[in-house]
Amino acid sequence: QLQLVESGGGLVQPGGSLRLSCTGSGNALNYYAIAWFRQAPGKEREGVSCIGGSDGNTVYAESVKGRFTISRDNVKNTVNLQMNSLKPEDTAVYYCKAERGWTNYWGQGTQVTVSS
């Protein structure tokens, strides 16, 4: 069974950068479409970005386009989310999800706080 662990979160000043990683164990992540979601306090979970399993196509939420980049590292069995030009409104717990067919798996989340 696939297990996912997010890492790379932390506290950063506005305008700074972080790189989140979603590391898989138990199966290769390139069999799955991988998505990053985030949830801020008092708000619903929202999709941030995703990358296809077979085609590698990427999609971004309008709020992060041009600032975030999703990518795969198949050697490390990770999917990374490079986040640049961070804003206070990017503060949230970030989760990754792996999906294939009717099956999906979630990680436990990593906190990102953007504050001066």
PDB file of N, CA and C in Angstrom:
ATOM      1  N   GLN A   1       0.839  -1.190   0.000  1.00  0.00           N
ATOM      2  CA  GLN A   1       0.000   0.000   0.000  1.00  0.00           C
ATOM      3  C   GLN A   1       0.878   1.246   0.000  1.00  0.00           C
ATOM      4  N   LEU A   2       0.458   2.206  -0.795  1.00  0.00           N
ATOM      5  CA  LEU A   2       1.236   3.431  -0.908  1.00  0.00           C
ATOM      6  C   LEU A   2       1.083   4.271   0.353  1.00  0.00           C
ATOM      7  N   GLN A   3       2.202   4.818   0.824  1.00  0.00           N
ATOM      8  CA  GLN A   3       2.192   5.779   1.918  1.00  0.00           C
ATOM      9  C   GLN A   3       2.893   7.047   1.446  1.00  0.00           C
ATOM     10  N   LEU A   4       2.362   8.184   1.879  1.00  0.00           N
ATOM     11  CA  LEU A   4       2.894   9.475   1.468  1.00  0.00           C
ATOM     12  C   LEU A   4       3.324  10.273   2.689  1.00  0.00           C
ATOM     13  N   VAL A   5       4.468  10.938   2.563  1.00  0.00           N
ATOM     14  CA  VAL A   5       4.951  11.808   3.631  1.00  0.00           C
ATOM     15  C   VAL A   5       5.363  13.139   3.010  1.00  0.00           C
ATOM     16  N   GLU A   6       4.745  14.218   3.515  1.00  0.00           N
ATOM     17  CA  GLU A   6       5.118  15.559   3.065  1.00  0.00           C
ATOM     18  C   GLU A   6       6.216  16.112   3.960  1.00  0.00           C
ATOM     19  N   SER A   7       7.068  16.918   3.380  1.00  0.00           N
ATOM     20  CA  SER A   7       8.123  17.574   4.146  1.00  0.00           C
ATOM     21  C   SER A   7       8.469  18.900   3.479  1.00  0.00           C
ATOM     22  N   GLY A   8       9.228  19.718   4.196  1.00  0.00           N
ATOM     23  CA  GLY A   8       9.713  20.967   3.625  1.00  0.00           C
ATOM     24  C   GLY A   8       8.978  22.212   4.086  1.00  0.00           C
ATOM     25  N   GLY A   9       7.928  22.033   4.875  1.00  0.00           N
ATOM     26  CA  GLY A   9       7.204  23.200   5.356  1.00  0.00           C
ATOM     27  C   GLY A   9       8.006  23.968   6.391  1.00  0.00           C
ATOM     28  N   GLY A  10       7.483  25.142   6.745  1.00  0.00           N
ATOM     29  CA  GLY A  10       8.151  25.945   7.754  1.00  0.00           C
ATOM     30  C   GLY A  10       7.655  27.371   7.732  1.00  0.00           C
ATOM     31  N   LEU A  11       8.394  28.220   8.404  1.00  0.00           N
ATOM     32  CA  LEU A  11       8.087  29.644   8.489  1.00  0.00           C
ATOM     33  C   LEU A  11       8.989  30.401   7.522  1.00  0.00           C
ATOM     34  N   VAL A  12       8.391  31.245   6.713  1.00  0.00           N
ATOM     35  CA  VAL A  12       9.153  32.017   5.734  1.00  0.00           C
ATOM     36  C   VAL A  12       8.560  33.415   5.651  1.00  0.00           C
ATOM     37  N   GLN A  13       9.398  34.387   5.330  1.00  0.00           N
ATOM     38  CA  GLN A  13       8.924  35.754   5.180  1.00  0.00           C
ATOM     39  C   GLN A  13       8.242  35.943   3.828  1.00  0.00           C
ATOM     40  N   PRO A  14       7.351  36.911   3.742  1.00  0.00           N
ATOM     41  CA  PRO A  14       6.738  37.210   2.435  1.00  0.00           C
ATOM     42  C   PRO A  14       7.812  37.468   1.384  1.00  0.00           C
ATOM     43  N   GLY A  15       7.584  36.914   0.209  1.00  0.00           N
ATOM     44  CA  GLY A  15       8.563  37.011  -0.870  1.00  0.00           C
ATOM     45  C   GLY A  15       9.568  35.882  -0.889  1.00  0.00           C
ATOM     46  N   GLY A  16       9.582  35.075   0.155  1.00  0.00           N
ATOM     47  CA  GLY A  16      10.527  33.973   0.241  1.00  0.00           C
ATOM     48  C   GLY A  16      10.085  32.740  -0.519  1.00  0.00           C
ATOM     49  N   SER A  17      10.867  31.676  -0.383  1.00  0.00           N
ATOM     50  CA  SER A  17      10.622  30.441  -1.109  1.00  0.00           C
ATOM     51  C   SER A  17      10.696  29.241  -0.177  1.00  0.00           C
ATOM     52  N   LEU A  18       9.965  28.224  -0.533  1.00  0.00           N
ATOM     53  CA  LEU A  18      10.044  26.917   0.116  1.00  0.00           C
ATOM     54  C   LEU A  18       9.875  25.853  -0.958  1.00  0.00           C
ATOM     55  N   ARG A  19      10.439  24.689  -0.698  1.00  0.00           N
ATOM     56  CA  ARG A  19      10.184  23.546  -1.574  1.00  0.00           C
ATOM     57  C   ARG A  19       9.617  22.417  -0.742  1.00  0.00           C
ATOM     58  N   LEU A  20       8.400  22.047  -1.072  1.00  0.00           N
ATOM     59  CA  LEU A  20       7.751  20.928  -0.413  1.00  0.00           C
ATOM     60  C   LEU A  20       8.022  19.650  -1.193  1.00  0.00           C
ATOM     61  N   SER A  21       8.135  18.552  -0.460  1.00  0.00           N
ATOM     62  CA  SER A  21       8.324  17.250  -1.092  1.00  0.00           C
ATOM     63  C   SER A  21       7.251  16.294  -0.604  1.00  0.00           C
ATOM     64  N   CYS A  22       6.779  15.492  -1.511  1.00  0.00           N
ATOM     65  CA  CYS A  22       5.843  14.412  -1.206  1.00  0.00           C
ATOM     66  C   CYS A  22       6.587  13.120  -1.562  1.00  0.00           C
ATOM     67  N   THR A  23       6.947  12.354  -0.548  1.00  0.00           N
ATOM     68  CA  THR A  23       7.741  11.146  -0.766  1.00  0.00           C
ATOM     69  C   THR A  23       6.862   9.917  -0.592  1.00  0.00           C
ATOM     70  N   GLY A  24       6.938   9.029  -1.558  1.00  0.00           N
ATOM     71  CA  GLY A  24       6.143   7.822  -1.513  1.00  0.00           C
ATOM     72  C   GLY A  24       6.945   6.618  -1.082  1.00  0.00           C
ATOM     73  N   SER A  25       6.266   5.683  -0.422  1.00  0.00           N
ATOM     74  CA  SER A  25       6.850   4.380  -0.104  1.00  0.00           C
ATOM     75  C   SER A  25       5.794   3.321  -0.333  1.00  0.00           C
ATOM     76  N   GLY A  26       6.246   2.151  -0.703  1.00  0.00           N
ATOM     77  CA  GLY A  26       5.310   1.055  -0.951  1.00  0.00           C
ATOM     78  C   GLY A  26       4.923   0.912  -2.405  1.00  0.00           C
ATOM     79  N   ASN A  27       5.162   1.926  -3.203  1.00  0.00           N
ATOM     80  CA  ASN A  27       4.878   1.864  -4.630  1.00  0.00           C
ATOM     81  C   ASN A  27       5.509   3.084  -5.289  1.00  0.00           C
ATOM     82  N   ALA A  28       5.672   2.992  -6.584  1.00  0.00           N
ATOM     83  CA  ALA A  28       6.280   4.094  -7.322  1.00  0.00           C
ATOM     84  C   ALA A  28       5.258   5.191  -7.576  1.00  0.00           C
ATOM     85  N   LEU A  29       5.634   6.424  -7.291  1.00  0.00           N
ATOM     86  CA  LEU A  29       4.707   7.529  -7.472  1.00  0.00           C
ATOM     87  C   LEU A  29       4.375   7.797  -8.933  1.00  0.00           C
ATOM     88  N   ASN A  30       5.242   7.365  -9.839  1.00  0.00           N
ATOM     89  CA  ASN A  30       4.946   7.679 -11.236  1.00  0.00           C
ATOM     90  C   ASN A  30       3.802   6.837 -11.797  1.00  0.00           C
ATOM     91  N   TYR A  31       3.243   5.909 -10.994  1.00  0.00           N
ATOM     92  CA  TYR A  31       2.021   5.218 -11.386  1.00  0.00           C
ATOM     93  C   TYR A  31       0.782   6.066 -11.112  1.00  0.00           C
ATOM     94  N   TYR A  32       0.969   7.164 -10.382  1.00  0.00           N
ATOM     95  CA  TYR A  32      -0.157   7.935  -9.886  1.00  0.00           C
ATOM     96  C   TYR A  32      -0.126   9.377 -10.387  1.00  0.00           C
ATOM     97  N   ALA A  33      -1.317   9.944 -10.528  1.00  0.00           N
ATOM     98  CA  ALA A  33      -1.403  11.396 -10.612  1.00  0.00           C
ATOM     99  C   ALA A  33      -1.238  11.925  -9.190  1.00  0.00           C
ATOM    100  N   ILE A  34      -0.457  12.980  -9.051  1.00  0.00           N
ATOM    101  CA  ILE A  34      -0.179  13.551  -7.734  1.00  0.00           C
ATOM    102  C   ILE A  34      -0.681  14.985  -7.690  1.00  0.00           C
ATOM    103  N   ALA A  35      -1.371  15.295  -6.624  1.00  0.00           N
ATOM    104  CA  ALA A  35      -1.893  16.653  -6.461  1.00  0.00           C
ATOM    105  C   ALA A  35      -1.474  17.204  -5.110  1.00  0.00           C
ATOM    106  N   TRP A  36      -1.275  18.503  -5.089  1.00  0.00           N
ATOM    107  CA  TRP A  36      -1.058  19.224  -3.840  1.00  0.00           C
ATOM    108  C   TRP A  36      -2.320  20.020  -3.527  1.00  0.00           C
ATOM    109  N   PHE A  37      -2.755  19.912  -2.274  1.00  0.00           N
ATOM    110  CA  PHE A  37      -3.873  20.677  -1.757  1.00  0.00           C
ATOM    111  C   PHE A  37      -3.376  21.489  -0.562  1.00  0.00           C
ATOM    112  N   ARG A  38      -4.162  22.458  -0.157  1.00  0.00           N
ATOM    113  CA  ARG A  38      -3.847  23.189   1.067  1.00  0.00           C
ATOM    114  C   ARG A  38      -5.136  23.553   1.785  1.00  0.00           C
ATOM    115  N   GLN A  39      -4.992  23.713   3.079  1.00  0.00           N
ATOM    116  CA  GLN A  39      -6.142  24.090   3.895  1.00  0.00           C
ATOM    117  C   GLN A  39      -5.708  25.101   4.941  1.00  0.00           C
ATOM    118  N   ALA A  40      -6.274  26.289   4.841  1.00  0.00           N
ATOM    119  CA  ALA A  40      -6.001  27.347   5.809  1.00  0.00           C
ATOM    120  C   ALA A  40      -7.033  27.258   6.923  1.00  0.00           C
ATOM    121  N   PRO A  41      -6.717  27.792   8.101  1.00  0.00           N
ATOM    122  CA  PRO A  41      -7.666  27.736   9.223  1.00  0.00           C
ATOM    123  C   PRO A  41      -9.007  28.354   8.843  1.00  0.00           C
ATOM    124  N   GLY A  42     -10.080  27.616   9.114  1.00  0.00           N
ATOM    125  CA  GLY A  42     -11.416  28.109   8.843  1.00  0.00           C
ATOM    126  C   GLY A  42     -11.838  28.069   7.394  1.00  0.00           C
ATOM    127  N   LYS A  43     -10.999  27.493   6.532  1.00  0.00           N
ATOM    128  CA  LYS A  43     -11.324  27.444   5.107  1.00  0.00           C
ATOM    129  C   LYS A  43     -11.362  26.001   4.633  1.00  0.00           C
ATOM    130  N   GLU A  44     -12.002  25.817   3.489  1.00  0.00           N
ATOM    131  CA  GLU A  44     -12.062  24.494   2.894  1.00  0.00           C
ATOM    132  C   GLU A  44     -10.724  24.152   2.231  1.00  0.00           C
ATOM    133  N   ARG A  45     -10.476  22.854   2.115  1.00  0.00           N
ATOM    134  CA  ARG A  45      -9.275  22.411   1.415  1.00  0.00           C
ATOM    135  C   ARG A  45      -9.405  22.761  -0.062  1.00  0.00           C
ATOM    136  N   GLU A  46      -8.333  23.270  -0.641  1.00  0.00           N
ATOM    137  CA  GLU A  46      -8.372  23.668  -2.034  1.00  0.00           C
ATOM    138  C   GLU A  46      -7.197  23.069  -2.794  1.00  0.00           C
ATOM    139  N   GLY A  47      -7.432  22.799  -4.064  1.00  0.00           N
ATOM    140  CA  GLY A  47      -6.367  22.280  -4.917  1.00  0.00           C
ATOM    141  C   GLY A  47      -5.388  23.373  -5.279  1.00  0.00           C
ATOM    142  N   VAL A  48      -4.109  23.025  -5.278  1.00  0.00           N
ATOM    143  CA  VAL A  48      -3.049  23.977  -5.601  1.00  0.00           C
ATOM    144  C   VAL A  48      -2.423  23.647  -6.948  1.00  0.00           C
ATOM    145  N   SER A  49      -2.068  22.372  -7.130  1.00  0.00           N
ATOM    146  CA  SER A  49      -1.402  21.965  -8.356  1.00  0.00           C
ATOM    147  C   SER A  49      -1.470  20.454  -8.478  1.00  0.00           C
ATOM    148  N   CYS A  50      -1.373  19.954  -9.705  1.00  0.00           N
ATOM    149  CA  CYS A  50      -1.316  18.515  -9.895  1.00  0.00           C
ATOM    150  C   CYS A  50      -0.469  18.193 -11.113  1.00  0.00           C
ATOM    151  N   ILE A  51       0.009  16.951 -11.136  1.00  0.00           N
ATOM    152  CA  ILE A  51       0.826  16.477 -12.245  1.00  0.00           C
ATOM    153  C   ILE A  51       0.320  15.103 -12.630  1.00  0.00           C
ATOM    154  N   GLY A  52       0.149  14.885 -13.930  1.00  0.00           N
ATOM    155  CA  GLY A  52      -0.393  13.630 -14.407  1.00  0.00           C
ATOM    156  C   GLY A  52       0.561  12.466 -14.190  1.00  0.00           C
ATOM    157  N   GLY A  53      -0.042  11.260 -14.151  1.00  0.00           N
ATOM    158  CA  GLY A  53       0.774  10.081 -13.949  1.00  0.00           C
ATOM    159  C   GLY A  53       1.488   9.655 -15.208  1.00  0.00           C
ATOM    160  N   SER A  54       0.739   9.514 -16.283  1.00  0.00           N
ATOM    161  CA  SER A  54       1.334   9.020 -17.520  1.00  0.00           C
ATOM    162  C   SER A  54       1.830  10.134 -18.433  1.00  0.00           C
ATOM    163  N   ASP A  55       1.080  11.234 -18.467  1.00  0.00           N
ATOM    164  CA  ASP A  55       1.447  12.272 -19.431  1.00  0.00           C
ATOM    165  C   ASP A  55       2.295  13.383 -18.831  1.00  0.00           C
ATOM    166  N   GLY A  56       2.319  13.472 -17.508  1.00  0.00           N
ATOM    167  CA  GLY A  56       3.132  14.505 -16.877  1.00  0.00           C
ATOM    168  C   GLY A  56       2.591  15.910 -17.030  1.00  0.00           C
ATOM    169  N   ASN A  57       1.348  16.017 -17.528  1.00  0.00           N
ATOM    170  CA  ASN A  57       0.769  17.351 -17.656  1.00  0.00           C
ATOM    171  C   ASN A  57       0.580  17.975 -16.278  1.00  0.00           C
ATOM    172  N   THR A  58       0.729  19.286 -16.209  1.00  0.00           N
ATOM    173  CA  THR A  58       0.605  19.997 -14.945  1.00  0.00           C
ATOM    174  C   THR A  58      -0.532  21.004 -14.999  1.00  0.00           C
ATOM    175  N   VAL A  59      -1.139  21.219 -13.842  1.00  0.00           N
ATOM    176  CA  VAL A  59      -2.217  22.182 -13.699  1.00  0.00           C
ATOM    177  C   VAL A  59      -1.952  22.973 -12.424  1.00  0.00           C
ATOM    178  N   TYR A  60      -2.285  24.264 -12.465  1.00  0.00           N
ATOM    179  CA  TYR A  60      -2.086  25.130 -11.305  1.00  0.00           C
ATOM    180  C   TYR A  60      -3.347  25.928 -11.019  1.00  0.00           C
ATOM    181  N   ALA A  61      -3.595  26.163  -9.747  1.00  0.00           N
ATOM    182  CA  ALA A  61      -4.653  27.103  -9.373  1.00  0.00           C
ATOM    183  C   ALA A  61      -4.229  28.500  -9.816  1.00  0.00           C
ATOM    184  N   GLU A  62      -5.221  29.321 -10.150  1.00  0.00           N
ATOM    185  CA  GLU A  62      -4.920  30.681 -10.602  1.00  0.00           C
ATOM    186  C   GLU A  62      -4.111  31.452  -9.568  1.00  0.00           C
ATOM    187  N   SER A  63      -4.375  31.191  -8.310  1.00  0.00           N
ATOM    188  CA  SER A  63      -3.728  31.952  -7.234  1.00  0.00           C
ATOM    189  C   SER A  63      -2.231  31.673  -7.110  1.00  0.00           C
ATOM    190  N   VAL A  64      -1.752  30.575  -7.721  1.00  0.00           N
ATOM    191  CA  VAL A  64      -0.335  30.220  -7.588  1.00  0.00           C
ATOM    192  C   VAL A  64       0.392  30.176  -8.923  1.00  0.00           C
ATOM    193  N   LYS A  65      -0.318  30.391 -10.007  1.00  0.00           N
ATOM    194  CA  LYS A  65       0.313  30.350 -11.330  1.00  0.00           C
ATOM    195  C   LYS A  65       1.451  31.348 -11.417  1.00  0.00           C
ATOM    196  N   GLY A  66       2.568  30.879 -11.972  1.00  0.00           N
ATOM    197  CA  GLY A  66       3.733  31.751 -12.120  1.00  0.00           C
ATOM    198  C   GLY A  66       4.600  31.812 -10.883  1.00  0.00           C
ATOM    199  N   ARG A  67       4.104  31.261  -9.765  1.00  0.00           N
ATOM    200  CA  ARG A  67       4.889  31.291  -8.523  1.00  0.00           C
ATOM    201  C   ARG A  67       5.272  29.888  -8.067  1.00  0.00           C
ATOM    202  N   PHE A  68       4.405  28.915  -8.303  1.00  0.00           N
ATOM    203  CA  PHE A  68       4.635  27.532  -7.860  1.00  0.00           C
ATOM    204  C   PHE A  68       4.950  26.660  -9.066  1.00  0.00           C
ATOM    205  N   THR A  69       5.799  25.662  -8.840  1.00  0.00           N
ATOM    206  CA  THR A  69       6.129  24.694  -9.884  1.00  0.00           C
ATOM    207  C   THR A  69       6.111  23.296  -9.298  1.00  0.00           C
ATOM    208  N   ILE A  70       5.357  22.407  -9.934  1.00  0.00           N
ATOM    209  CA  ILE A  70       5.294  21.015  -9.503  1.00  0.00           C
ATOM    210  C   ILE A  70       6.184  20.184 -10.422  1.00  0.00           C
ATOM    211  N   SER A  71       6.865  19.199  -9.838  1.00  0.00           N
ATOM    212  CA  SER A  71       7.759  18.369 -10.647  1.00  0.00           C
ATOM    213  C   SER A  71       7.946  17.011  -9.987  1.00  0.00           C
ATOM    214  N   ARG A  72       8.348  16.056 -10.808  1.00  0.00           N
ATOM    215  CA  ARG A  72       8.616  14.704 -10.298  1.00  0.00           C
ATOM    216  C   ARG A  72      10.122  14.451 -10.227  1.00  0.00           C
ATOM    217  N   ASP A  73      10.515  13.670  -9.221  1.00  0.00           N
ATOM    218  CA  ASP A  73      11.864  13.108  -9.150  1.00  0.00           C
ATOM    219  C   ASP A  73      11.678  11.616  -8.979  1.00  0.00           C
ATOM    220  N   ASN A  74      11.691  10.894 -10.085  1.00  0.00           N
ATOM    221  CA  ASN A  74      11.390   9.461 -10.027  1.00  0.00           C
ATOM    222  C   ASN A  74      12.497   8.659  -9.341  1.00  0.00           C
ATOM    223  N   VAL A  75      13.711   9.182  -9.344  1.00  0.00           N
ATOM    224  CA  VAL A  75      14.798   8.486  -8.650  1.00  0.00           C
ATOM    225  C   VAL A  75      14.544   8.480  -7.144  1.00  0.00           C
ATOM    226  N   LYS A  76      14.094   9.614  -6.628  1.00  0.00           N
ATOM    227  CA  LYS A  76      13.828   9.724  -5.191  1.00  0.00           C
ATOM    228  C   LYS A  76      12.390   9.352  -4.837  1.00  0.00           C
ATOM    229  N   ASN A  77      11.587   9.051  -5.868  1.00  0.00           N
ATOM    230  CA  ASN A  77      10.170   8.727  -5.653  1.00  0.00           C
ATOM    231  C   ASN A  77       9.445   9.857  -4.918  1.00  0.00           C
ATOM    232  N   THR A  78       9.686  11.065  -5.397  1.00  0.00           N
ATOM    233  CA  THR A  78       9.051  12.232  -4.800  1.00  0.00           C
ATOM    234  C   THR A  78       8.393  13.094  -5.867  1.00  0.00           C
ATOM    235  N   VAL A  79       7.465  13.903  -5.404  1.00  0.00           N
ATOM    236  CA  VAL A  79       6.913  14.985  -6.200  1.00  0.00           C
ATOM    237  C   VAL A  79       7.131  16.260  -5.397  1.00  0.00           C
ATOM    238  N   ASN A  80       7.760  17.220  -6.032  1.00  0.00           N
ATOM    239  CA  ASN A  80       8.108  18.453  -5.351  1.00  0.00           C
ATOM    240  C   ASN A  80       7.191  19.596  -5.759  1.00  0.00           C
ATOM    241  N   LEU A  81       7.023  20.520  -4.836  1.00  0.00           N
ATOM    242  CA  LEU A  81       6.293  21.742  -5.119  1.00  0.00           C
ATOM    243  C   LEU A  81       7.211  22.901  -4.732  1.00  0.00           C
ATOM    244  N   GLN A  82       7.784  23.540  -5.738  1.00  0.00           N
ATOM    245  CA  GLN A  82       8.628  24.705  -5.512  1.00  0.00           C
ATOM    246  C   GLN A  82       7.731  25.926  -5.413  1.00  0.00           C
ATOM    247  N   MET A  83       7.829  26.620  -4.290  1.00  0.00           N
ATOM    248  CA  MET A  83       6.959  27.763  -4.042  1.00  0.00           C
ATOM    249  C   MET A  83       7.810  29.011  -3.902  1.00  0.00           C
ATOM    250  N   ASN A  84       7.649  29.936  -4.818  1.00  0.00           N
ATOM    251  CA  ASN A  84       8.392  31.189  -4.815  1.00  0.00           C
ATOM    252  C   ASN A  84       7.444  32.358  -4.591  1.00  0.00           C
ATOM    253  N   SER A  85       8.028  33.500  -4.260  1.00  0.00           N
ATOM    254  CA  SER A  85       7.247  34.733  -4.063  1.00  0.00           C
ATOM    255  C   SER A  85       6.064  34.484  -3.137  1.00  0.00           C
ATOM    256  N   LEU A  86       6.324  33.837  -2.034  1.00  0.00           N
ATOM    257  CA  LEU A  86       5.247  33.454  -1.118  1.00  0.00           C
ATOM    258  C   LEU A  86       4.569  34.668  -0.508  1.00  0.00           C
ATOM    259  N   LYS A  87       3.272  34.500  -0.283  1.00  0.00           N
ATOM    260  CA  LYS A  87       2.437  35.568   0.271  1.00  0.00           C
ATOM    261  C   LYS A  87       1.812  35.089   1.575  1.00  0.00           C
ATOM    262  N   PRO A  88       1.416  35.994   2.440  1.00  0.00           N
ATOM    263  CA  PRO A  88       0.747  35.554   3.684  1.00  0.00           C
ATOM    264  C   PRO A  88      -0.472  34.679   3.413  1.00  0.00           C
ATOM    265  N   GLU A  89      -1.157  34.919   2.331  1.00  0.00           N
ATOM    266  CA  GLU A  89      -2.347  34.111   2.024  1.00  0.00           C
ATOM    267  C   GLU A  89      -2.009  32.692   1.561  1.00  0.00           C
ATOM    268  N   ASP A  90      -0.723  32.399   1.397  1.00  0.00           N
ATOM    269  CA  ASP A  90      -0.317  31.021   1.111  1.00  0.00           C
ATOM    270  C   ASP A  90      -0.197  30.188   2.384  1.00  0.00           C
ATOM    271  N   THR A  91      -0.336  30.824   3.530  1.00  0.00           N
ATOM    272  CA  THR A  91      -0.257  30.113   4.804  1.00  0.00           C
ATOM    273  C   THR A  91      -1.356  29.060   4.897  1.00  0.00           C
ATOM    274  N   ALA A  92      -0.955  27.827   5.156  1.00  0.00           N
ATOM    275  CA  ALA A  92      -1.899  26.707   5.207  1.00  0.00           C
ATOM    276  C   ALA A  92      -1.138  25.428   5.542  1.00  0.00           C
ATOM    277  N   VAL A  93      -1.890  24.389   5.812  1.00  0.00           N
ATOM    278  CA  VAL A  93      -1.313  23.043   5.835  1.00  0.00           C
ATOM    279  C   VAL A  93      -1.414  22.500   4.412  1.00  0.00           C
ATOM    280  N   TYR A  94      -0.295  22.016   3.906  1.00  0.00           N
ATOM    281  CA  TYR A  94      -0.227  21.511   2.538  1.00  0.00           C
ATOM    282  C   TYR A  94      -0.205  19.985   2.567  1.00  0.00           C
ATOM    283  N   TYR A  95      -1.055  19.402   1.737  1.00  0.00           N
ATOM    284  CA  TYR A  95      -1.190  17.948   1.650  1.00  0.00           C
ATOM    285  C   TYR A  95      -0.920  17.489   0.223  1.00  0.00           C
ATOM    286  N   CYS A  96      -0.356  16.296   0.101  1.00  0.00           N
ATOM    287  CA  CYS A  96      -0.288  15.702  -1.224  1.00  0.00           C
ATOM    288  C   CYS A  96      -1.231  14.499  -1.285  1.00  0.00           C
ATOM    289  N   LYS A  97      -1.709  14.265  -2.470  1.00  0.00           N
ATOM    290  CA  LYS A  97      -2.633  13.160  -2.724  1.00  0.00           C
ATOM    291  C   LYS A  97      -2.171  12.420  -3.964  1.00  0.00           C
ATOM    292  N   ALA A  98      -2.190  11.093  -3.878  1.00  0.00           N
ATOM    293  CA  ALA A  98      -1.883  10.249  -5.027  1.00  0.00           C
ATOM    294  C   ALA A  98      -3.178   9.571  -5.468  1.00  0.00           C
ATOM    295  N   GLU A  99      -3.411   9.580  -6.758  1.00  0.00           N
ATOM    296  CA  GLU A  99      -4.673   9.043  -7.278  1.00  0.00           C
ATOM    297  C   GLU A  99      -4.422   8.184  -8.501  1.00  0.00           C
ATOM    298  N   ARG A 100      -5.108   7.025  -8.524  1.00  0.00           N
ATOM    299  CA  ARG A 100      -5.098   6.169  -9.707  1.00  0.00           C
ATOM    300  C   ARG A 100      -6.408   5.427  -9.755  1.00  0.00           C
ATOM    301  N   GLY A 101      -7.168   5.683 -10.773  1.00  0.00           N
ATOM    302  CA  GLY A 101      -8.492   5.080 -10.861  1.00  0.00           C
ATOM    303  C   GLY A 101      -9.355   5.551  -9.706  1.00  0.00           C
ATOM    304  N   TRP A 102      -9.944   4.573  -8.994  1.00  0.00           N
ATOM    305  CA  TRP A 102     -10.818   4.910  -7.875  1.00  0.00           C
ATOM    306  C   TRP A 102     -10.053   4.992  -6.554  1.00  0.00           C
ATOM    307  N   THR A 103      -8.759   4.790  -6.596  1.00  0.00           N
ATOM    308  CA  THR A 103      -7.958   4.735  -5.377  1.00  0.00           C
ATOM    309  C   THR A 103      -7.216   6.041  -5.156  1.00  0.00           C
ATOM    310  N   ASN A 104      -7.234   6.522  -3.937  1.00  0.00           N
ATOM    311  CA  ASN A 104      -6.405   7.679  -3.631  1.00  0.00           C
ATOM    312  C   ASN A 104      -5.842   7.571  -2.222  1.00  0.00           C
ATOM    313  N   TYR A 105      -4.700   8.193  -2.038  1.00  0.00           N
ATOM    314  CA  TYR A 105      -3.983   8.192  -0.772  1.00  0.00           C
ATOM    315  C   TYR A 105      -3.599   9.627  -0.431  1.00  0.00           C
ATOM    316  N   TRP A 106      -3.617   9.923   0.868  1.00  0.00           N
ATOM    317  CA  TRP A 106      -3.251  11.252   1.350  1.00  0.00           C
ATOM    318  C   TRP A 106      -2.077  11.168   2.314  1.00  0.00           C
ATOM    319  N   GLY A 107      -1.279  12.212   2.310  1.00  0.00           N
ATOM    320  CA  GLY A 107      -0.268  12.359   3.336  1.00  0.00           C
ATOM    321  C   GLY A 107      -0.842  13.067   4.553  1.00  0.00           C
ATOM    322  N   GLN A 108       0.012  13.275   5.553  1.00  0.00           N
ATOM    323  CA  GLN A 108      -0.451  13.847   6.818  1.00  0.00           C
ATOM    324  C   GLN A 108      -0.395  15.374   6.834  1.00  0.00           C
ATOM    325  N   GLY A 109       0.266  15.962   5.862  1.00  0.00           N
ATOM    326  CA  GLY A 109       0.322  17.412   5.749  1.00  0.00           C
ATOM    327  C   GLY A 109       1.582  18.017   6.342  1.00  0.00           C
ATOM    328  N   THR A 110       1.933  19.192   5.838  1.00  0.00           N
ATOM    329  CA  THR A 110       3.060  19.955   6.363  1.00  0.00           C
ATOM    330  C   THR A 110       2.649  21.420   6.424  1.00  0.00           C
ATOM    331  N   GLN A 111       2.992  22.078   7.526  1.00  0.00           N
ATOM    332  CA  GLN A 111       2.551  23.448   7.742  1.00  0.00           C
ATOM    333  C   GLN A 111       3.478  24.428   7.027  1.00  0.00           C
ATOM    334  N   VAL A 112       2.868  25.360   6.307  1.00  0.00           N
ATOM    335  CA  VAL A 112       3.588  26.477   5.694  1.00  0.00           C
ATOM    336  C   VAL A 112       3.022  27.761   6.282  1.00  0.00           C
ATOM    337  N   THR A 113       3.899  28.568   6.845  1.00  0.00           N
ATOM    338  CA  THR A 113       3.483  29.841   7.424  1.00  0.00           C
ATOM    339  C   THR A 113       4.313  30.952   6.780  1.00  0.00           C
ATOM    340  N   VAL A 114       3.614  31.915   6.187  1.00  0.00           N
ATOM    341  CA  VAL A 114       4.264  33.044   5.543  1.00  0.00           C
ATOM    342  C   VAL A 114       3.950  34.284   6.367  1.00  0.00           C
ATOM    343  N   SER A 115       4.965  34.797   7.036  1.00  0.00           N
ATOM    344  CA  SER A 115       4.746  35.914   7.946  1.00  0.00           C
ATOM    345  C   SER A 115       6.049  36.649   8.186  1.00  0.00           C
ATOM    346  N   SER A 116       5.924  37.946   8.402  1.00  0.00           N
ATOM    347  CA  SER A 116       7.096  38.742   8.740  1.00  0.00           C
ATOM    348  C   SER A 116       7.241  38.851  10.262  1.00  0.00           C
TER     349      SER A 116
END
